[in-house]
PDB file of N, CA and C in Angstrom:
ATOM      1  N   MET A   1      -5.865  -7.147  -7.196  1.00  0.00           N
ATOM      2  CA  MET A   1      -5.105  -6.288  -8.085  1.00  0.00           C
ATOM      3  C   MET A   1      -3.697  -6.146  -7.515  1.00  0.00           C
ATOM      4  N   ALA A   2      -2.701  -6.419  -8.300  1.00  0.00           N
ATOM      5  CA  ALA A   2      -1.312  -6.379  -7.843  1.00  0.00           C
ATOM      6  C   ALA A   2      -0.739  -4.975  -7.945  1.00  0.00           C
ATOM      7  N   ILE A   3       0.150  -4.668  -7.025  1.00  0.00           N
ATOM      8  CA  ILE A   3       0.867  -3.403  -7.054  1.00  0.00           C
ATOM      9  C   ILE A   3       2.207  -3.657  -7.708  1.00  0.00           C
ATOM     10  N   ARG A   4       2.608  -2.779  -8.571  1.00  0.00           N
ATOM     11  CA  ARG A   4       3.887  -2.936  -9.249  1.00  0.00           C
ATOM     12  C   ARG A   4       4.774  -1.754  -8.921  1.00  0.00           C
ATOM     13  N   ARG A   5       5.959  -2.031  -8.438  1.00  0.00           N
ATOM     14  CA  ARG A   5       6.892  -0.972  -8.078  1.00  0.00           C
ATOM     15  C   ARG A   5       7.826  -0.729  -9.258  1.00  0.00           C
ATOM     16  N   TYR A   6       7.957   0.525  -9.662  1.00  0.00           N
ATOM     17  CA  TYR A   6       8.790   0.881 -10.805  1.00  0.00           C
ATOM     18  C   TYR A   6      10.128   1.478 -10.392  1.00  0.00           C
ATOM     19  N   LEU A   7      10.187   2.077  -9.225  1.00  0.00           N
ATOM     20  CA  LEU A   7      11.426   2.685  -8.754  1.00  0.00           C
ATOM     21  C   LEU A   7      11.605   2.404  -7.270  1.00  0.00           C
ATOM     22  N   ASP A   8      12.825   2.301  -6.830  1.00  0.00           N
ATOM     23  CA  ASP A   8      13.113   2.154  -5.418  1.00  0.00           C
ATOM     24  C   ASP A   8      13.219   3.527  -4.772  1.00  0.00           C
ATOM     25  N   ALA A   9      13.039   3.571  -3.466  1.00  0.00           N
ATOM     26  CA  ALA A   9      13.197   4.820  -2.729  1.00  0.00           C
ATOM     27  C   ALA A   9      14.591   5.370  -2.988  1.00  0.00           C
ATOM     28  N   GLY A  10      14.694   6.660  -3.272  1.00  0.00           N
ATOM     29  CA  GLY A  10      15.972   7.306  -3.523  1.00  0.00           C
ATOM     30  C   GLY A  10      16.434   7.237  -4.966  1.00  0.00           C
ATOM     31  N   ALA A  11      15.672   6.561  -5.823  1.00  0.00           N
ATOM     32  CA  ALA A  11      16.055   6.453  -7.235  1.00  0.00           C
ATOM     33  C   ALA A  11      15.957   7.815  -7.911  1.00  0.00           C
ATOM     34  N   VAL A  12      16.810   8.045  -8.875  1.00  0.00           N
ATOM     35  CA  VAL A  12      16.798   9.285  -9.642  1.00  0.00           C
ATOM     36  C   VAL A  12      15.839   9.116 -10.818  1.00  0.00           C
ATOM     37  N   LEU A  13      14.906  10.056 -10.951  1.00  0.00           N
ATOM     38  CA  LEU A  13      13.941  10.001 -12.046  1.00  0.00           C
ATOM     39  C   LEU A  13      14.546  10.597 -13.304  1.00  0.00           C
ATOM     40  N   SER A  14      14.203  10.021 -14.433  1.00  0.00           N
ATOM     41  CA  SER A  14      14.622  10.571 -15.710  1.00  0.00           C
ATOM     42  C   SER A  14      13.379  10.774 -16.562  1.00  0.00           C
ATOM     43  N   PRO A  15      13.431  11.717 -17.510  1.00  0.00           N
ATOM     44  CA  PRO A  15      12.266  11.967 -18.360  1.00  0.00           C
ATOM     45  C   PRO A  15      11.799  10.689 -19.051  1.00  0.00           C
ATOM     46  N   GLY A  16      10.488  10.493 -19.050  1.00  0.00           N
ATOM     47  CA  GLY A  16       9.911   9.340 -19.712  1.00  0.00           C
ATOM     48  C   GLY A  16       9.905   8.058 -18.903  1.00  0.00           C
ATOM     49  N   ARG A  17      10.442   8.074 -17.707  1.00  0.00           N
ATOM     50  CA  ARG A  17      10.499   6.878 -16.855  1.00  0.00           C
ATOM     51  C   ARG A  17       9.146   6.654 -16.187  1.00  0.00           C
ATOM     52  N   ALA A  18       8.615   5.461 -16.292  1.00  0.00           N
ATOM     53  CA  ALA A  18       7.310   5.144 -15.695  1.00  0.00           C
ATOM     54  C   ALA A  18       7.414   5.117 -14.178  1.00  0.00           C
ATOM     55  N   VAL A  19       6.577   5.872 -13.501  1.00  0.00           N
ATOM     56  CA  VAL A  19       6.517   5.846 -12.044  1.00  0.00           C
ATOM     57  C   VAL A  19       5.101   5.590 -11.558  1.00  0.00           C
ATOM     58  N   VAL A  20       4.161   5.542 -12.470  1.00  0.00           N
ATOM     59  CA  VAL A  20       2.768   5.307 -12.127  1.00  0.00           C
ATOM     60  C   VAL A  20       2.109   4.590 -13.302  1.00  0.00           C
ATOM     61  N   ARG A  21       1.123   3.785 -13.031  1.00  0.00           N
ATOM     62  CA  ARG A  21       0.416   3.064 -14.085  1.00  0.00           C
ATOM     63  C   ARG A  21      -1.085   3.147 -13.845  1.00  0.00           C
ATOM     64  N   LEU A  22      -1.851   3.205 -14.929  1.00  0.00           N
ATOM     65  CA  LEU A  22      -3.294   3.067 -14.813  1.00  0.00           C
ATOM     66  C   LEU A  22      -3.550   1.617 -14.442  1.00  0.00           C
ATOM     67  N   VAL A  23      -4.435   1.390 -13.484  1.00  0.00           N
ATOM     68  CA  VAL A  23      -4.606   0.039 -12.974  1.00  0.00           C
ATOM     69  C   VAL A  23      -5.958  -0.579 -13.279  1.00  0.00           C
ATOM     70  N   GLY A  24      -6.870   0.102 -13.886  1.00  0.00           N
ATOM     71  CA  GLY A  24      -8.160  -0.487 -14.202  1.00  0.00           C
ATOM     72  C   GLY A  24      -9.273   0.173 -13.430  1.00  0.00           C
ATOM     73  N   THR A  25     -10.445  -0.407 -13.549  1.00  0.00           N
ATOM     74  CA  THR A  25     -11.603   0.191 -12.902  1.00  0.00           C
ATOM     75  C   THR A  25     -11.660  -0.206 -11.440  1.00  0.00           C
ATOM     76  N   ALA A  26     -12.315   0.630 -10.673  1.00  0.00           N
ATOM     77  CA  ALA A  26     -12.442   0.384  -9.238  1.00  0.00           C
ATOM     78  C   ALA A  26     -13.365  -0.798  -8.984  1.00  0.00           C
ATOM     79  N   ALA A  27     -13.127  -1.488  -7.899  1.00  0.00           N
ATOM     80  CA  ALA A  27     -13.928  -2.659  -7.544  1.00  0.00           C
ATOM     81  C   ALA A  27     -15.393  -2.298  -7.334  1.00  0.00           C
ATOM     82  N   ASN A  28     -15.661  -1.059  -6.929  1.00  0.00           N
ATOM     83  CA  ASN A  28     -17.039  -0.652  -6.660  1.00  0.00           C
ATOM     84  C   ASN A  28     -17.749  -0.158  -7.918  1.00  0.00           C
ATOM     85  N   GLY A  29     -17.157  -0.393  -9.100  1.00  0.00           N
ATOM     86  CA  GLY A  29     -17.801   0.004 -10.339  1.00  0.00           C
ATOM     87  C   GLY A  29     -17.484   1.428 -10.754  1.00  0.00           C
ATOM     88  N   GLY A  30     -16.586   2.087 -10.044  1.00  0.00           N
ATOM     89  CA  GLY A  30     -16.225   3.457 -10.405  1.00  0.00           C
ATOM     90  C   GLY A  30     -15.432   3.500 -11.699  1.00  0.00           C
ATOM     91  N   GLY A  31     -14.884   4.655 -12.008  1.00  0.00           N
ATOM     92  CA  GLY A  31     -14.147   4.846 -13.246  1.00  0.00           C
ATOM     93  C   GLY A  31     -12.738   4.296 -13.200  1.00  0.00           C
ATOM     94  N   LEU A  32     -11.989   4.603 -14.222  1.00  0.00           N
ATOM     95  CA  LEU A  32     -10.605   4.163 -14.334  1.00  0.00           C
ATOM     96  C   LEU A  32      -9.777   4.792 -13.225  1.00  0.00           C
ATOM     97  N   ARG A  33      -8.908   4.016 -12.617  1.00  0.00           N
ATOM     98  CA  ARG A  33      -8.086   4.498 -11.514  1.00  0.00           C
ATOM     99  C   ARG A  33      -6.614   4.418 -11.865  1.00  0.00           C
ATOM    100  N   LEU A  34      -5.835   5.200 -11.128  1.00  0.00           N
ATOM    101  CA  LEU A  34      -4.387   5.094 -11.253  1.00  0.00           C
ATOM    102  C   LEU A  34      -3.809   4.957  -9.869  1.00  0.00           C
ATOM    103  N   ARG A  35      -2.674   4.291  -9.803  1.00  0.00           N
ATOM    104  CA  ARG A  35      -2.003   4.067  -8.527  1.00  0.00           C
ATOM    105  C   ARG A  35      -0.583   4.568  -8.673  1.00  0.00           C
ATOM    106  N   PHE A  36      -0.141   5.326  -7.658  1.00  0.00           N
ATOM    107  CA  PHE A  36       1.220   5.854  -7.680  1.00  0.00           C
ATOM    108  C   PHE A  36       1.777   5.856  -6.269  1.00  0.00           C
ATOM    109  N   ALA A  37       3.094   5.950  -6.175  1.00  0.00           N
ATOM    110  CA  ALA A  37       3.766   5.901  -4.882  1.00  0.00           C
ATOM    111  C   ALA A  37       4.402   7.240  -4.578  1.00  0.00           C
ATOM    112  N   VAL A  38       4.390   7.611  -3.301  1.00  0.00           N
ATOM    113  CA  VAL A  38       4.987   8.870  -2.866  1.00  0.00           C
ATOM    114  C   VAL A  38       5.822   8.634  -1.610  1.00  0.00           C
ATOM    115  N   GLU A  39       6.765   9.529  -1.400  1.00  0.00           N
ATOM    116  CA  GLU A  39       7.543   9.518  -0.165  1.00  0.00           C
ATOM    117  C   GLU A  39       6.597   9.828   0.998  1.00  0.00           C
ATOM    118  N   PRO A  40       6.845   9.280   2.183  1.00  0.00           N
ATOM    119  CA  PRO A  40       5.974   9.542   3.336  1.00  0.00           C
ATOM    120  C   PRO A  40       5.789  11.031   3.626  1.00  0.00           C
ATOM    121  N   GLU A  41       6.832  11.835   3.407  1.00  0.00           N
ATOM    122  CA  GLU A  41       6.729  13.276   3.671  1.00  0.00           C
ATOM    123  C   GLU A  41       5.723  13.959   2.742  1.00  0.00           C
ATOM    124  N   GLN A  42       5.522  13.417   1.561  1.00  0.00           N
ATOM    125  CA  GLN A  42       4.590  14.005   0.590  1.00  0.00           C
ATOM    126  C   GLN A  42       3.156  13.555   0.832  1.00  0.00           C
ATOM    127  N   ALA A  43       2.984  12.427   1.494  1.00  0.00           N
ATOM    128  CA  ALA A  43       1.661  11.833   1.662  1.00  0.00           C
ATOM    129  C   ALA A  43       0.710  12.722   2.445  1.00  0.00           C
ATOM    130  N   SER A  44       1.218  13.542   3.351  1.00  0.00           N
ATOM    131  CA  SER A  44       0.335  14.399   4.145  1.00  0.00           C
ATOM    132  C   SER A  44      -0.391  15.422   3.274  1.00  0.00           C
ATOM    133  N   ARG A  45       0.140  15.718   2.099  1.00  0.00           N
ATOM    134  CA  ARG A  45      -0.491  16.659   1.166  1.00  0.00           C
ATOM    135  C   ARG A  45      -1.572  15.995   0.315  1.00  0.00           C
ATOM    136  N   LEU A  46      -1.598  14.665   0.303  1.00  0.00           N
ATOM    137  CA  LEU A  46      -2.510  13.909  -0.553  1.00  0.00           C
ATOM    138  C   LEU A  46      -3.617  13.288   0.277  1.00  0.00           C
ATOM    139  N   THR A  47      -4.716  13.982   0.410  1.00  0.00           N
ATOM    140  CA  THR A  47      -5.841  13.504   1.195  1.00  0.00           C
ATOM    141  C   THR A  47      -6.989  13.133   0.262  1.00  0.00           C
ATOM    142  N   PRO A  48      -7.842  12.189   0.669  1.00  0.00           N
ATOM    143  CA  PRO A  48      -8.988  11.844  -0.164  1.00  0.00           C
ATOM    144  C   PRO A  48      -9.803  13.088  -0.527  1.00  0.00           C
ATOM    145  N   GLY A  49     -10.157  13.171  -1.807  1.00  0.00           N
ATOM    146  CA  GLY A  49     -10.902  14.318  -2.320  1.00  0.00           C
ATOM    147  C   GLY A  49     -10.019  15.343  -3.018  1.00  0.00           C
ATOM    148  N   LEU A  50      -8.700  15.277  -2.787  1.00  0.00           N
ATOM    149  CA  LEU A  50      -7.775  16.217  -3.425  1.00  0.00           C
ATOM    150  C   LEU A  50      -7.743  15.987  -4.928  1.00  0.00           C
ATOM    151  N   GLN A  51      -7.754  17.075  -5.687  1.00  0.00           N
ATOM    152  CA  GLN A  51      -7.674  17.003  -7.140  1.00  0.00           C
ATOM    153  C   GLN A  51      -6.215  17.009  -7.583  1.00  0.00           C
ATOM    154  N   VAL A  52      -5.864  16.084  -8.486  1.00  0.00           N
ATOM    155  CA  VAL A  52      -4.531  16.019  -9.074  1.00  0.00           C
ATOM    156  C   VAL A  52      -4.681  15.967 -10.589  1.00  0.00           C
ATOM    157  N   LEU A  53      -3.571  16.139 -11.297  1.00  0.00           N
ATOM    158  CA  LEU A  53      -3.572  16.035 -12.751  1.00  0.00           C
ATOM    159  C   LEU A  53      -2.628  14.921 -13.166  1.00  0.00           C
ATOM    160  N   ALA A  54      -3.076  14.093 -14.095  1.00  0.00           N
ATOM    161  CA  ALA A  54      -2.255  13.001 -14.600  1.00  0.00           C
ATOM    162  C   ALA A  54      -1.914  13.282 -16.056  1.00  0.00           C
ATOM    163  N   THR A  55      -0.622  13.307 -16.357  1.00  0.00           N
ATOM    164  CA  THR A  55      -0.167  13.416 -17.738  1.00  0.00           C
ATOM    165  C   THR A  55       0.070  11.996 -18.208  1.00  0.00           C
ATOM    166  N   ILE A  56      -0.704  11.572 -19.188  1.00  0.00           N
ATOM    167  CA  ILE A  56      -0.718  10.176 -19.629  1.00  0.00           C
ATOM    168  C   ILE A  56      -0.207  10.099 -21.064  1.00  0.00           C
ATOM    169  N   ASP A  57       0.603   9.087 -21.329  1.00  0.00           N
ATOM    170  CA  ASP A  57       1.272   8.927 -22.626  1.00  0.00           C
ATOM    171  C   ASP A  57       0.383   9.157 -23.851  1.00  0.00           C
ATOM    172  N   THR A  58      -0.808   8.618 -23.871  1.00  0.00           N
ATOM    173  CA  THR A  58      -1.639   8.646 -25.077  1.00  0.00           C
ATOM    174  C   THR A  58      -2.606   9.821 -25.147  1.00  0.00           C
ATOM    175  N   VAL A  59      -2.593  10.684 -24.140  1.00  0.00           N
ATOM    176  CA  VAL A  59      -3.565  11.786 -24.071  1.00  0.00           C
ATOM    177  C   VAL A  59      -2.815  13.109 -24.203  1.00  0.00           C
ATOM    178  N   SER A  60      -3.311  13.987 -25.083  1.00  0.00           N
ATOM    179  CA  SER A  60      -2.587  15.230 -25.379  1.00  0.00           C
ATOM    180  C   SER A  60      -2.651  16.270 -24.265  1.00  0.00           C
ATOM    181  N   SER A  61      -3.645  16.199 -23.396  1.00  0.00           N
ATOM    182  CA  SER A  61      -3.749  17.166 -22.299  1.00  0.00           C
ATOM    183  C   SER A  61      -3.904  16.418 -20.978  1.00  0.00           C
ATOM    184  N   PRO A  62      -3.500  17.040 -19.855  1.00  0.00           N
ATOM    185  CA  PRO A  62      -3.603  16.362 -18.557  1.00  0.00           C
ATOM    186  C   PRO A  62      -5.041  15.958 -18.232  1.00  0.00           C
ATOM    187  N   VAL A  63      -5.166  14.843 -17.547  1.00  0.00           N
ATOM    188  CA  VAL A  63      -6.470  14.304 -17.152  1.00  0.00           C
ATOM    189  C   VAL A  63      -6.663  14.563 -15.659  1.00  0.00           C
ATOM    190  N   ALA A  64      -7.800  15.124 -15.300  1.00  0.00           N
ATOM    191  CA  ALA A  64      -8.113  15.375 -13.891  1.00  0.00           C
ATOM    192  C   ALA A  64      -8.357  14.048 -13.177  1.00  0.00           C
ATOM    193  N   ALA A  65      -7.966  14.009 -11.913  1.00  0.00           N
ATOM    194  CA  ALA A  65      -8.198  12.819 -11.089  1.00  0.00           C
ATOM    195  C   ALA A  65      -8.426  13.270  -9.656  1.00  0.00           C
ATOM    196  N   THR A  66      -9.133  12.437  -8.912  1.00  0.00           N
ATOM    197  CA  THR A  66      -9.422  12.716  -7.505  1.00  0.00           C
ATOM    198  C   THR A  66      -8.832  11.613  -6.647  1.00  0.00           C
ATOM    199  N   VAL A  67      -8.033  11.998  -5.655  1.00  0.00           N
ATOM    200  CA  VAL A  67      -7.452  11.027  -4.730  1.00  0.00           C
ATOM    201  C   VAL A  67      -8.592  10.364  -3.969  1.00  0.00           C
ATOM    202  N   ARG A  68      -8.597   9.038  -3.981  1.00  0.00           N
ATOM    203  CA  ARG A  68      -9.624   8.275  -3.272  1.00  0.00           C
ATOM    204  C   ARG A  68      -9.072   7.603  -2.022  1.00  0.00           C
ATOM    205  N   GLN A  69      -7.788   7.222  -2.075  1.00  0.00           N
ATOM    206  CA  GLN A  69      -7.243   6.482  -0.946  1.00  0.00           C
ATOM    207  C   GLN A  69      -5.736   6.693  -0.860  1.00  0.00           C
ATOM    208  N   VAL A  70      -5.252   6.855   0.350  1.00  0.00           N
ATOM    209  CA  VAL A  70      -3.820   6.910   0.623  1.00  0.00           C
ATOM    210  C   VAL A  70      -3.537   5.798   1.622  1.00  0.00           C
ATOM    211  N   SER A  71      -2.635   4.913   1.261  1.00  0.00           N
ATOM    212  CA  SER A  71      -2.320   3.792   2.140  1.00  0.00           C
ATOM    213  C   SER A  71      -1.787   4.317   3.477  1.00  0.00           C
ATOM    214  N   PRO A  72      -2.259   3.779   4.577  1.00  0.00           N
ATOM    215  CA  PRO A  72      -1.747   4.207   5.885  1.00  0.00           C
ATOM    216  C   PRO A  72      -0.461   3.476   6.280  1.00  0.00           C
ATOM    217  N   VAL A  73      -0.032   2.511   5.444  1.00  0.00           N
ATOM    218  CA  VAL A  73       1.110   1.672   5.779  1.00  0.00           C
ATOM    219  C   VAL A  73       2.184   1.785   4.697  1.00  0.00           C
ATOM    220  N   LEU A  74       3.424   1.938   5.126  1.00  0.00           N
ATOM    221  CA  LEU A  74       4.541   1.979   4.180  1.00  0.00           C
ATOM    222  C   LEU A  74       4.723   0.627   3.510  1.00  0.00           C
ATOM    223  N   ASP A  75       5.015   0.655   2.214  1.00  0.00           N
ATOM    224  CA  ASP A  75       5.387  -0.554   1.498  1.00  0.00           C
ATOM    225  C   ASP A  75       6.770  -0.957   2.010  1.00  0.00           C
ATOM    226  N   PRO A  76       6.927  -2.149   2.567  1.00  0.00           N
ATOM    227  CA  PRO A  76       8.213  -2.512   3.160  1.00  0.00           C
ATOM    228  C   PRO A  76       9.363  -2.589   2.148  1.00  0.00           C
ATOM    229  N   ALA A  77       9.071  -2.917   0.913  1.00  0.00           N
ATOM    230  CA  ALA A  77      10.129  -3.051  -0.089  1.00  0.00           C
ATOM    231  C   ALA A  77      10.664  -1.702  -0.552  1.00  0.00           C
ATOM    232  N   SER A  78       9.786  -0.703  -0.651  1.00  0.00           N
ATOM    233  CA  SER A  78      10.196   0.587  -1.208  1.00  0.00           C
ATOM    234  C   SER A  78      10.268   1.712  -0.182  1.00  0.00           C
ATOM    235  N   GLY A  79       9.568   1.561   0.942  1.00  0.00           N
ATOM    236  CA  GLY A  79       9.501   2.644   1.922  1.00  0.00           C
ATOM    237  C   GLY A  79       8.572   3.760   1.476  1.00  0.00           C
ATOM    238  N   LEU A  80       7.726   3.492   0.485  1.00  0.00           N
ATOM    239  CA  LEU A  80       6.810   4.494  -0.055  1.00  0.00           C
ATOM    240  C   LEU A  80       5.378   4.172   0.344  1.00  0.00           C
ATOM    241  N   LEU A  81       4.500   5.175   0.207  1.00  0.00           N
ATOM    242  CA  LEU A  81       3.073   4.991   0.421  1.00  0.00           C
ATOM    243  C   LEU A  81       2.382   4.999  -0.933  1.00  0.00           C
ATOM    244  N   PHE A  82       1.424   4.104  -1.120  1.00  0.00           N
ATOM    245  CA  PHE A  82       0.687   4.055  -2.372  1.00  0.00           C
ATOM    246  C   PHE A  82      -0.584   4.886  -2.273  1.00  0.00           C
ATOM    247  N   VAL A  83      -0.857   5.598  -3.364  1.00  0.00           N
ATOM    248  CA  VAL A  83      -2.028   6.469  -3.459  1.00  0.00           C
ATOM    249  C   VAL A  83      -2.847   5.990  -4.648  1.00  0.00           C
ATOM    250  N   GLU A  84      -4.163   5.983  -4.498  1.00  0.00           N
ATOM    251  CA  GLU A  84      -5.041   5.615  -5.595  1.00  0.00           C
ATOM    252  C   GLU A  84      -5.952   6.798  -5.885  1.00  0.00           C
ATOM    253  N   ALA A  85      -6.082   7.124  -7.171  1.00  0.00           N
ATOM    254  CA  ALA A  85      -6.920   8.248  -7.593  1.00  0.00           C
ATOM    255  C   ALA A  85      -7.822   7.806  -8.736  1.00  0.00           C
ATOM    256  N   GLU A  86      -9.031   8.343  -8.782  1.00  0.00           N
ATOM    257  CA  GLU A  86      -9.988   8.028  -9.842  1.00  0.00           C
ATOM    258  C   GLU A  86      -9.913   9.107 -10.916  1.00  0.00           C
ATOM    259  N   LEU A  87      -9.724   8.673 -12.155  1.00  0.00           N
ATOM    260  CA  LEU A  87      -9.635   9.604 -13.276  1.00  0.00           C
ATOM    261  C   LEU A  87     -11.016  10.148 -13.641  1.00  0.00           C
ATOM    262  N   ALA A  88     -11.035  11.400 -14.092  1.00  0.00           N
ATOM    263  CA  ALA A  88     -12.262  12.050 -14.557  1.00  0.00           C
ATOM    264  C   ALA A  88     -11.963  12.665 -15.925  1.00  0.00           C
ATOM    265  N   PRO A  89     -11.795  11.804 -16.950  1.00  0.00           N
ATOM    266  CA  PRO A  89     -11.419  12.330 -18.258  1.00  0.00           C
ATOM    267  C   PRO A  89     -12.553  13.084 -18.932  1.00  0.00           C
ATOM    268  N   GLN A  90     -12.181  14.057 -19.762  1.00  0.00           N
ATOM    269  CA  GLN A  90     -13.161  14.715 -20.615  1.00  0.00           C
ATOM    270  C   GLN A  90     -13.524  13.727 -21.714  1.00  0.00           C
ATOM    271  N   ALA A  91     -14.638  13.950 -22.386  1.00  0.00           N
ATOM    272  CA  ALA A  91     -15.131  13.013 -23.398  1.00  0.00           C
ATOM    273  C   ALA A  91     -14.076  12.686 -24.450  1.00  0.00           C
ATOM    274  N   GLU A  92     -13.344  13.689 -24.909  1.00  0.00           N
ATOM    275  CA  GLU A  92     -12.345  13.456 -25.962  1.00  0.00           C
ATOM    276  C   GLU A  92     -11.104  12.733 -25.444  1.00  0.00           C
ATOM    277  N   GLN A  93     -10.917  12.668 -24.141  1.00  0.00           N
ATOM    278  CA  GLN A  93      -9.763  11.979 -23.560  1.00  0.00           C
ATOM    279  C   GLN A  93     -10.051  10.507 -23.287  1.00  0.00           C
ATOM    280  N   ALA A  94     -11.299  10.192 -23.015  1.00  0.00           N
ATOM    281  CA  ALA A  94     -11.671   8.856 -22.545  1.00  0.00           C
ATOM    282  C   ALA A  94     -11.268   7.744 -23.501  1.00  0.00           C
ATOM    283  N   SER A  95     -11.390   7.957 -24.794  1.00  0.00           N
ATOM    284  CA  SER A  95     -11.092   6.889 -25.750  1.00  0.00           C
ATOM    285  C   SER A  95      -9.603   6.543 -25.806  1.00  0.00           C
ATOM    286  N   ALA A  96      -8.744   7.428 -25.323  1.00  0.00           N
ATOM    287  CA  ALA A  96      -7.296   7.182 -25.352  1.00  0.00           C
ATOM    288  C   ALA A  96      -6.802   6.501 -24.081  1.00  0.00           C
ATOM    289  N   LEU A  97      -7.683   6.257 -23.126  1.00  0.00           N
ATOM    290  CA  LEU A  97      -7.286   5.667 -21.843  1.00  0.00           C
ATOM    291  C   LEU A  97      -7.545   4.167 -21.811  1.00  0.00           C
ATOM    292  N   ARG A  98      -6.594   3.440 -21.227  1.00  0.00           N
ATOM    293  CA  ARG A  98      -6.743   2.002 -21.015  1.00  0.00           C
ATOM    294  C   ARG A  98      -5.769   1.587 -19.907  1.00  0.00           C
ATOM    295  N   PRO A  99      -6.077   0.535 -19.178  1.00  0.00           N
ATOM    296  CA  PRO A  99      -5.154   0.079 -18.130  1.00  0.00           C
ATOM    297  C   PRO A  99      -3.767  -0.231 -18.702  1.00  0.00           C
ATOM    298  N   GLY A 100      -2.734   0.058 -17.890  1.00  0.00           N
ATOM    299  CA  GLY A 100      -1.371  -0.257 -18.269  1.00  0.00           C
ATOM    300  C   GLY A 100      -0.563   0.910 -18.820  1.00  0.00           C
ATOM    301  N   LEU A 101      -1.186   2.059 -19.052  1.00  0.00           N
ATOM    302  CA  LEU A 101      -0.472   3.223 -19.578  1.00  0.00           C
ATOM    303  C   LEU A 101       0.381   3.877 -18.493  1.00  0.00           C
ATOM    304  N   ALA A 102       1.496   4.451 -18.878  1.00  0.00           N
ATOM    305  CA  ALA A 102       2.354   5.190 -17.946  1.00  0.00           C
ATOM    306  C   ALA A 102       1.823   6.612 -17.808  1.00  0.00           C
ATOM    307  N   ALA A 103       2.028   7.200 -16.635  1.00  0.00           N
ATOM    308  CA  ALA A 103       1.555   8.557 -16.368  1.00  0.00           C
ATOM    309  C   ALA A 103       2.449   9.228 -15.343  1.00  0.00           C
ATOM    310  N   ALA A 104       2.343  10.542 -15.287  1.00  0.00           N
ATOM    311  CA  ALA A 104       2.992  11.342 -14.244  1.00  0.00           C
ATOM    312  C   ALA A 104       1.890  12.123 -13.552  1.00  0.00           C
ATOM    313  N   VAL A 105       1.981  12.250 -12.227  1.00  0.00           N
ATOM    314  CA  VAL A 105       0.931  12.899 -11.446  1.00  0.00           C
ATOM    315  C   VAL A 105       1.496  14.148 -10.776  1.00  0.00           C
ATOM    316  N   ARG A 106       0.678  15.220 -10.766  1.00  0.00           N
ATOM    317  CA  ARG A 106       1.073  16.440 -10.058  1.00  0.00           C
ATOM    318  C   ARG A 106      -0.172  17.049  -9.430  1.00  0.00           C
ATOM    319  N   LEU A 107       0.057  17.862  -8.398  1.00  0.00           N
ATOM    320  CA  LEU A 107      -1.063  18.542  -7.752  1.00  0.00           C
ATOM    321  C   LEU A 107      -1.603  19.608  -8.677  1.00  0.00           C
ATOM    322  N   ARG A 108      -2.882  19.871  -8.580  1.00  0.00           N
ATOM    323  CA  ARG A 108      -3.518  20.892  -9.415  1.00  0.00           C
ATOM    324  C   ARG A 108      -3.104  22.265  -8.945  1.00  0.00           C
TER     325      ARG A 108
END
């Protein structure tokens, strides 16, 4: 599974700008996952098991997700750490989810 970088370190975010993408199902057969990048200073707050909320383009309400993995190594191109979280959509949200959608992630 390839990682796609949408912004460089220090880039200014604007409303509607993609910074995270749904990446598909987990290799171990788990649910839909999302991958996003964070500054190293923020990574200490994102530990496996932490609950986050993903606001996704096609879903009217935020979708709960659980952090599964935080990369221990900085991406050399961006200077960011990649985080992977497993989505836990409610039944009415699941049909609107598919790989490739843009999302924004925040702590619960």
